[in-house]
Amino acid sequence: MAPEWISNSPITSKVDVYSYGVVLLDMITGKSPTMMNMEGVDGEVAYNGRLINWVREKKRSRCWVEEIMDPKIGTNCDSSKMEILAKVALECVEVDKNIRPTMSQVVEKLQRNEIDS
């Protein structure tokens, strides 16, 4: 849920951009936006919080894209494209709506990177 809903701020199209970012992160990671009681590889709870915060934390590591990707995606995807998609998703879920791109800008970024390939 976009911060504007919680803070009772005016609702704009940037709320939809935020939601789009959440959906992208959900698709990339295969994880719920609330991520409660996730189990890590070793059986310990890996994270108890929001998907957005988890991805932001993972982004600090060198192989962050591989770490956040849903294993069901497999290795047949282009990790550089997945990184672009994840970065666009993170831009979409910025807390400050003024920092978020417009949906047109999101489409432009994704199309530009498709053409560059």
N, C-alpha and C. Protein backbone atom coordinates (compact mmCIF):
# COMPACT_ATOMS: atom_id res chain seq x y z
N MET A 1 0.84 -1.17 0.00
CA MET A 1 0.00 0.00 0.00
C MET A 1 0.90 1.24 0.00
N ALA A 2 0.59 2.14 -0.89
CA ALA A 2 1.39 3.36 -1.01
C ALA A 2 1.30 4.19 0.26
N PRO A 3 2.39 4.85 0.62
CA PRO A 3 2.40 5.67 1.84
C PRO A 3 1.31 6.74 1.86
N GLU A 4 0.90 7.20 0.70
CA GLU A 4 -0.14 8.24 0.64
C GLU A 4 -1.44 7.78 1.27
N TRP A 5 -1.76 6.50 1.11
CA TRP A 5 -2.99 5.97 1.71
C TRP A 5 -2.91 6.03 3.23
N ILE A 6 -1.77 5.70 3.76
CA ILE A 6 -1.59 5.66 5.22
C ILE A 6 -1.58 7.06 5.81
N SER A 7 -0.93 7.99 5.12
CA SER A 7 -0.80 9.35 5.66
C SER A 7 -1.97 10.26 5.28
N ASN A 8 -2.95 9.69 4.59
CA ASN A 8 -4.13 10.47 4.19
C ASN A 8 -3.76 11.64 3.28
N SER A 9 -2.70 11.47 2.50
CA SER A 9 -2.27 12.49 1.54
C SER A 9 -3.13 12.39 0.29
N PRO A 10 -3.10 13.42 -0.55
CA PRO A 10 -3.85 13.36 -1.80
C PRO A 10 -3.40 12.17 -2.65
N ILE A 11 -4.37 11.50 -3.23
CA ILE A 11 -4.09 10.32 -4.05
C ILE A 11 -3.92 10.76 -5.50
N THR A 12 -2.79 10.37 -6.08
CA THR A 12 -2.49 10.71 -7.47
C THR A 12 -2.15 9.43 -8.24
N SER A 13 -1.79 9.58 -9.48
CA SER A 13 -1.40 8.42 -10.29
C SER A 13 -0.12 7.77 -9.76
N LYS A 14 0.62 8.47 -8.92
CA LYS A 14 1.84 7.91 -8.35
C LYS A 14 1.53 6.72 -7.41
N VAL A 15 0.30 6.64 -6.92
CA VAL A 15 -0.12 5.49 -6.12
C VAL A 15 -0.12 4.24 -7.00
N ASP A 16 -0.58 4.39 -8.23
CA ASP A 16 -0.58 3.26 -9.17
C ASP A 16 0.85 2.85 -9.53
N VAL A 17 1.73 3.82 -9.65
CA VAL A 17 3.14 3.53 -9.93
C VAL A 17 3.72 2.71 -8.78
N TYR A 18 3.41 3.11 -7.55
CA TYR A 18 3.88 2.38 -6.37
C TYR A 18 3.38 0.93 -6.42
N SER A 19 2.10 0.77 -6.69
CA SER A 19 1.52 -0.57 -6.76
C SER A 19 2.18 -1.41 -7.84
N TYR A 20 2.47 -0.80 -8.97
CA TYR A 20 3.14 -1.50 -10.06
C TYR A 20 4.51 -2.00 -9.59
N GLY A 21 5.23 -1.17 -8.86
CA GLY A 21 6.53 -1.57 -8.33
C GLY A 21 6.42 -2.76 -7.39
N VAL A 22 5.40 -2.76 -6.55
CA VAL A 22 5.19 -3.88 -5.63
C VAL A 22 4.90 -5.16 -6.41
N VAL A 23 4.07 -5.05 -7.43
CA VAL A 23 3.75 -6.22 -8.25
C VAL A 23 5.01 -6.75 -8.95
N LEU A 24 5.83 -5.85 -9.48
CA LEU A 24 7.08 -6.28 -10.12
C LEU A 24 7.97 -7.03 -9.13
N LEU A 25 8.13 -6.47 -7.93
CA LEU A 25 8.98 -7.13 -6.93
C LEU A 25 8.42 -8.49 -6.54
N ASP A 26 7.11 -8.58 -6.43
CA ASP A 26 6.44 -9.84 -6.13
C ASP A 26 6.75 -10.87 -7.21
N MET A 27 6.65 -10.45 -8.48
CA MET A 27 6.91 -11.37 -9.59
C MET A 27 8.38 -11.79 -9.66
N ILE A 28 9.28 -10.86 -9.43
CA ILE A 28 10.72 -11.15 -9.50
C ILE A 28 11.14 -12.10 -8.39
N THR A 29 10.64 -11.85 -7.19
CA THR A 29 11.09 -12.61 -6.02
C THR A 29 10.23 -13.84 -5.71
N GLY A 30 8.98 -13.80 -6.13
CA GLY A 30 8.06 -14.88 -5.77
C GLY A 30 7.63 -14.80 -4.32
N LYS A 31 7.85 -13.64 -3.71
CA LYS A 31 7.54 -13.47 -2.29
C LYS A 31 6.39 -12.48 -2.09
N SER A 32 5.67 -12.69 -1.02
CA SER A 32 4.57 -11.82 -0.66
C SER A 32 5.10 -10.45 -0.26
N PRO A 33 4.35 -9.38 -0.56
CA PRO A 33 4.80 -8.04 -0.16
C PRO A 33 5.00 -7.88 1.35
N THR A 34 4.33 -8.70 2.17
CA THR A 34 4.50 -8.58 3.62
C THR A 34 5.57 -9.52 4.16
N MET A 35 5.88 -10.60 3.46
CA MET A 35 6.98 -11.52 3.78
C MET A 35 7.08 -11.93 5.24
N MET A 36 6.03 -12.27 5.88
CA MET A 36 6.12 -12.64 7.28
C MET A 36 6.66 -14.07 7.45
N ASN A 37 7.59 -14.22 8.37
CA ASN A 37 8.16 -15.51 8.74
C ASN A 37 8.68 -16.34 7.58
N MET A 38 9.47 -15.72 6.74
CA MET A 38 10.13 -16.43 5.65
C MET A 38 11.21 -17.34 6.22
N GLU A 39 11.37 -18.49 5.63
CA GLU A 39 12.46 -19.36 6.06
C GLU A 39 13.63 -19.24 5.11
N GLY A 40 14.81 -19.13 5.67
CA GLY A 40 16.01 -19.06 4.85
C GLY A 40 16.42 -20.44 4.39
N VAL A 41 17.48 -20.51 3.61
CA VAL A 41 17.98 -21.78 3.07
C VAL A 41 18.35 -22.73 4.20
N ASP A 42 18.91 -22.19 5.26
CA ASP A 42 19.36 -23.03 6.38
C ASP A 42 18.25 -23.31 7.39
N GLY A 43 17.01 -22.93 7.07
CA GLY A 43 15.88 -23.20 7.96
C GLY A 43 15.60 -22.10 8.96
N GLU A 44 16.49 -21.12 9.06
CA GLU A 44 16.26 -20.01 9.99
C GLU A 44 15.39 -18.95 9.31
N VAL A 45 14.73 -18.15 10.13
CA VAL A 45 13.93 -17.06 9.57
C VAL A 45 14.88 -16.06 8.94
N ALA A 46 14.70 -15.84 7.63
CA ALA A 46 15.62 -14.98 6.90
C ALA A 46 15.25 -13.51 7.04
N TYR A 47 13.97 -13.23 7.11
CA TYR A 47 13.55 -11.83 7.19
C TYR A 47 12.11 -11.78 7.66
N ASN A 48 11.83 -10.85 8.51
CA ASN A 48 10.47 -10.69 9.00
C ASN A 48 10.10 -9.23 8.80
N GLY A 49 9.63 -8.88 7.64
CA GLY A 49 9.33 -7.49 7.34
C GLY A 49 8.74 -7.34 5.97
N ARG A 50 8.95 -6.19 5.35
CA ARG A 50 8.38 -5.89 4.06
C ARG A 50 9.32 -6.27 2.93
N LEU A 51 8.72 -6.75 1.86
CA LEU A 51 9.47 -7.15 0.67
C LEU A 51 10.35 -6.01 0.16
N ILE A 52 9.82 -4.81 0.14
CA ILE A 52 10.58 -3.66 -0.36
C ILE A 52 11.87 -3.47 0.44
N ASN A 53 11.77 -3.53 1.75
CA ASN A 53 12.96 -3.35 2.60
C ASN A 53 13.95 -4.49 2.39
N TRP A 54 13.44 -5.70 2.22
CA TRP A 54 14.30 -6.86 2.00
C TRP A 54 15.09 -6.70 0.71
N VAL A 55 14.42 -6.29 -0.37
CA VAL A 55 15.11 -6.11 -1.65
C VAL A 55 16.13 -4.98 -1.54
N ARG A 56 15.77 -3.90 -0.87
CA ARG A 56 16.73 -2.79 -0.69
C ARG A 56 17.97 -3.25 0.06
N GLU A 57 17.78 -4.08 1.07
CA GLU A 57 18.93 -4.62 1.81
C GLU A 57 19.80 -5.49 0.92
N LYS A 58 19.16 -6.36 0.17
CA LYS A 58 19.88 -7.27 -0.72
C LYS A 58 20.66 -6.52 -1.79
N LYS A 59 20.15 -5.37 -2.21
CA LYS A 59 20.77 -4.58 -3.28
C LYS A 59 22.18 -4.12 -2.89
N ARG A 60 22.49 -4.14 -1.63
CA ARG A 60 23.82 -3.73 -1.17
C ARG A 60 24.89 -4.77 -1.51
N SER A 61 24.47 -6.00 -1.77
CA SER A 61 25.46 -7.04 -2.07
C SER A 61 25.74 -7.10 -3.57
N ARG A 62 26.86 -7.69 -3.91
CA ARG A 62 27.31 -7.72 -5.30
C ARG A 62 26.39 -8.56 -6.18
N CYS A 63 25.92 -9.67 -5.70
CA CYS A 63 25.07 -10.59 -6.48
C CYS A 63 23.61 -10.47 -6.08
N TRP A 64 23.16 -9.26 -5.83
CA TRP A 64 21.82 -9.05 -5.28
C TRP A 64 20.71 -9.56 -6.18
N VAL A 65 20.86 -9.46 -7.47
CA VAL A 65 19.79 -9.89 -8.38
C VAL A 65 19.57 -11.40 -8.25
N GLU A 66 20.65 -12.15 -8.25
CA GLU A 66 20.54 -13.60 -8.09
C GLU A 66 19.95 -13.96 -6.73
N GLU A 67 20.25 -13.17 -5.71
CA GLU A 67 19.76 -13.43 -4.37
C GLU A 67 18.26 -13.18 -4.23
N ILE A 68 17.74 -12.22 -4.97
CA ILE A 68 16.31 -11.90 -4.82
C ILE A 68 15.42 -12.67 -5.79
N MET A 69 15.99 -13.21 -6.87
CA MET A 69 15.17 -13.88 -7.88
C MET A 69 14.51 -15.14 -7.36
N ASP A 70 13.26 -15.31 -7.73
CA ASP A 70 12.52 -16.53 -7.42
C ASP A 70 13.24 -17.70 -8.08
N PRO A 71 13.58 -18.74 -7.33
CA PRO A 71 14.26 -19.90 -7.92
C PRO A 71 13.46 -20.54 -9.05
N LYS A 72 12.17 -20.35 -9.05
CA LYS A 72 11.33 -20.93 -10.11
C LYS A 72 11.61 -20.29 -11.47
N ILE A 73 12.18 -19.10 -11.47
CA ILE A 73 12.53 -18.44 -12.73
C ILE A 73 13.65 -19.21 -13.42
N GLY A 74 14.53 -19.78 -12.62
CA GLY A 74 15.62 -20.57 -13.18
C GLY A 74 16.76 -19.72 -13.68
N THR A 75 17.66 -20.34 -14.39
CA THR A 75 18.86 -19.65 -14.87
C THR A 75 18.76 -19.24 -16.33
N ASN A 76 17.62 -19.45 -16.94
CA ASN A 76 17.45 -19.14 -18.36
C ASN A 76 17.11 -17.69 -18.63
N CYS A 77 17.13 -16.86 -17.63
CA CYS A 77 16.79 -15.45 -17.86
C CYS A 77 18.07 -14.61 -17.92
N ASP A 78 17.95 -13.46 -18.52
CA ASP A 78 19.06 -12.52 -18.65
C ASP A 78 19.13 -11.72 -17.35
N SER A 79 20.17 -11.95 -16.56
CA SER A 79 20.25 -11.29 -15.25
C SER A 79 20.40 -9.77 -15.37
N SER A 80 20.98 -9.29 -16.47
CA SER A 80 21.10 -7.84 -16.63
C SER A 80 19.72 -7.21 -16.85
N LYS A 81 18.85 -7.90 -17.58
CA LYS A 81 17.48 -7.40 -17.76
C LYS A 81 16.69 -7.49 -16.47
N MET A 82 16.93 -8.56 -15.71
CA MET A 82 16.26 -8.71 -14.43
C MET A 82 16.70 -7.60 -13.48
N GLU A 83 17.97 -7.23 -13.55
CA GLU A 83 18.48 -6.13 -12.71
C GLU A 83 17.79 -4.82 -13.08
N ILE A 84 17.64 -4.55 -14.36
CA ILE A 84 16.96 -3.34 -14.81
C ILE A 84 15.53 -3.33 -14.29
N LEU A 85 14.85 -4.46 -14.43
CA LEU A 85 13.47 -4.56 -13.97
C LEU A 85 13.37 -4.32 -12.46
N ALA A 86 14.30 -4.90 -11.70
CA ALA A 86 14.30 -4.72 -10.24
C ALA A 86 14.60 -3.27 -9.86
N LYS A 87 15.52 -2.64 -10.57
CA LYS A 87 15.85 -1.24 -10.27
C LYS A 87 14.66 -0.33 -10.58
N VAL A 88 13.98 -0.59 -11.69
CA VAL A 88 12.78 0.20 -12.02
C VAL A 88 11.72 -0.02 -10.94
N ALA A 89 11.56 -1.25 -10.50
CA ALA A 89 10.59 -1.55 -9.44
C ALA A 89 10.91 -0.76 -8.18
N LEU A 90 12.19 -0.72 -7.81
CA LEU A 90 12.59 0.03 -6.61
C LEU A 90 12.35 1.53 -6.77
N GLU A 91 12.53 2.05 -7.97
CA GLU A 91 12.21 3.46 -8.21
C GLU A 91 10.71 3.69 -8.01
N CYS A 92 9.91 2.74 -8.43
CA CYS A 92 8.45 2.87 -8.33
C CYS A 92 7.96 2.87 -6.88
N VAL A 93 8.69 2.23 -5.99
CA VAL A 93 8.24 2.12 -4.60
C VAL A 93 8.94 3.10 -3.66
N GLU A 94 9.48 4.17 -4.21
CA GLU A 94 10.06 5.22 -3.36
C GLU A 94 8.97 5.77 -2.44
N VAL A 95 9.33 6.04 -1.20
CA VAL A 95 8.37 6.57 -0.24
C VAL A 95 7.86 7.94 -0.67
N ASP A 96 8.76 8.78 -1.14
CA ASP A 96 8.39 10.12 -1.59
C ASP A 96 7.82 10.03 -3.00
N LYS A 97 6.55 10.34 -3.14
CA LYS A 97 5.89 10.20 -4.45
C LYS A 97 6.53 11.10 -5.51
N ASN A 98 7.15 12.19 -5.10
CA ASN A 98 7.78 13.10 -6.05
C ASN A 98 9.05 12.51 -6.68
N ILE A 99 9.61 11.52 -6.02
CA ILE A 99 10.80 10.85 -6.54
C ILE A 99 10.42 9.73 -7.51
N ARG A 100 9.24 9.15 -7.32
CA ARG A 100 8.79 8.06 -8.19
C ARG A 100 8.65 8.54 -9.63
N PRO A 101 8.96 7.67 -10.58
CA PRO A 101 8.73 8.05 -11.98
C PRO A 101 7.24 8.03 -12.29
N THR A 102 6.87 8.64 -13.39
CA THR A 102 5.50 8.50 -13.87
C THR A 102 5.42 7.15 -14.57
N MET A 103 4.22 6.69 -14.84
CA MET A 103 4.07 5.41 -15.53
C MET A 103 4.65 5.51 -16.94
N SER A 104 4.52 6.66 -17.57
CA SER A 104 5.12 6.86 -18.90
C SER A 104 6.63 6.71 -18.84
N GLN A 105 7.24 7.24 -17.79
CA GLN A 105 8.70 7.12 -17.64
C GLN A 105 9.10 5.66 -17.40
N VAL A 106 8.28 4.94 -16.65
CA VAL A 106 8.55 3.52 -16.40
C VAL A 106 8.54 2.76 -17.73
N VAL A 107 7.49 2.98 -18.52
CA VAL A 107 7.38 2.32 -19.82
C VAL A 107 8.57 2.67 -20.70
N GLU A 108 8.93 3.94 -20.71
CA GLU A 108 10.06 4.39 -21.52
C GLU A 108 11.36 3.70 -21.11
N LYS A 109 11.60 3.59 -19.80
CA LYS A 109 12.82 2.93 -19.31
C LYS A 109 12.85 1.47 -19.73
N LEU A 110 11.72 0.80 -19.59
CA LEU A 110 11.67 -0.61 -19.93
C LEU A 110 11.81 -0.83 -21.44
N GLN A 111 11.17 0.01 -22.23
CA GLN A 111 11.28 -0.11 -23.69
C GLN A 111 12.69 0.22 -24.16
N ARG A 112 13.30 1.23 -23.59
CA ARG A 112 14.65 1.63 -23.98
C ARG A 112 15.62 0.47 -23.74
N ASN A 113 15.46 -0.21 -22.64
CA ASN A 113 16.36 -1.32 -22.33
C ASN A 113 16.05 -2.55 -23.17
N GLU A 114 14.84 -2.67 -23.65
CA GLU A 114 14.49 -3.77 -24.56
C GLU A 114 15.13 -3.53 -25.92
N ILE A 115 15.12 -2.29 -26.37
CA ILE A 115 15.69 -1.93 -27.67
C ILE A 115 17.21 -2.06 -27.64
N ASP A 116 17.82 -1.70 -26.50
CA ASP A 116 19.28 -1.76 -26.38
C ASP A 116 19.82 -3.19 -26.41
N SER A 117 18.97 -4.16 -26.26
CA SER A 117 19.43 -5.55 -26.19
C SER A 117 19.56 -6.18 -27.55
